[in-house]
Amino acid sequence: MGLACDHEHAEHELGAAEVERALTAVEARCAADGERMT
C-alpha cells in the first residue's frame, strides 16, 4: 500500500469535501501504477 503519502498531500492541499473526491482519483491512479509495477 503506497497510498499514505498521496493521501496526506490530498488532505493538506484540499478541503474536506474535495479530499474525498481526490482520494478516489488518487486510489485509482495508485492502483493503475501498482498494476504497471507488478
Protein backbone atom coordinates (compact mmCIF):
# COMPACT_ATOMS: atom_id res chain seq x y z
CA MET A 1 0.00 0.00 0.00
CA GLY A 2 1.79 3.13 -1.18
CA LEU A 3 -1.17 5.49 -0.74
CA ALA A 4 -0.25 7.17 2.56
CA CYS A 5 1.88 9.94 1.06
CA ASP A 6 -0.69 10.68 -1.66
CA HIS A 7 -3.48 10.79 0.92
CA GLU A 8 -1.51 13.22 3.08
CA HIS A 9 -0.85 15.51 0.11
CA ALA A 10 -4.53 15.45 -0.83
CA GLU A 11 -5.60 16.27 2.72
CA HIS A 12 -3.16 19.18 3.02
CA GLU A 13 -3.98 20.70 -0.35
CA LEU A 14 -7.76 20.31 -0.42
CA GLY A 15 -10.78 20.95 1.77
CA ALA A 16 -12.67 18.06 3.36
CA ALA A 17 -15.27 17.79 0.58
CA GLU A 18 -12.56 17.93 -2.09
CA VAL A 19 -10.45 15.33 -0.29
CA GLU A 20 -12.99 12.56 -0.69
CA ARG A 21 -13.17 13.13 -4.46
CA ALA A 22 -9.39 13.49 -4.68
CA LEU A 23 -8.77 10.25 -2.78
CA THR A 24 -10.98 8.37 -5.21
CA ALA A 25 -8.83 9.63 -8.07
CA VAL A 26 -5.61 9.00 -6.12
CA GLU A 27 -6.62 5.42 -5.30
CA ALA A 28 -7.48 4.74 -8.94
CA ARG A 29 -4.16 6.23 -10.07
CA CYS A 30 -2.17 4.31 -7.45
CA ALA A 31 -3.95 1.09 -8.36
CA ALA A 32 -3.04 1.63 -12.01
CA ASP A 33 0.57 2.39 -11.02
CA GLY A 34 0.66 -0.74 -8.86
CA GLU A 35 -0.60 -2.88 -11.72
CA ARG A 36 2.08 -1.48 -14.00
CA MET A 37 4.83 -2.04 -11.43
CA THR A 38 3.98 -5.65 -10.68
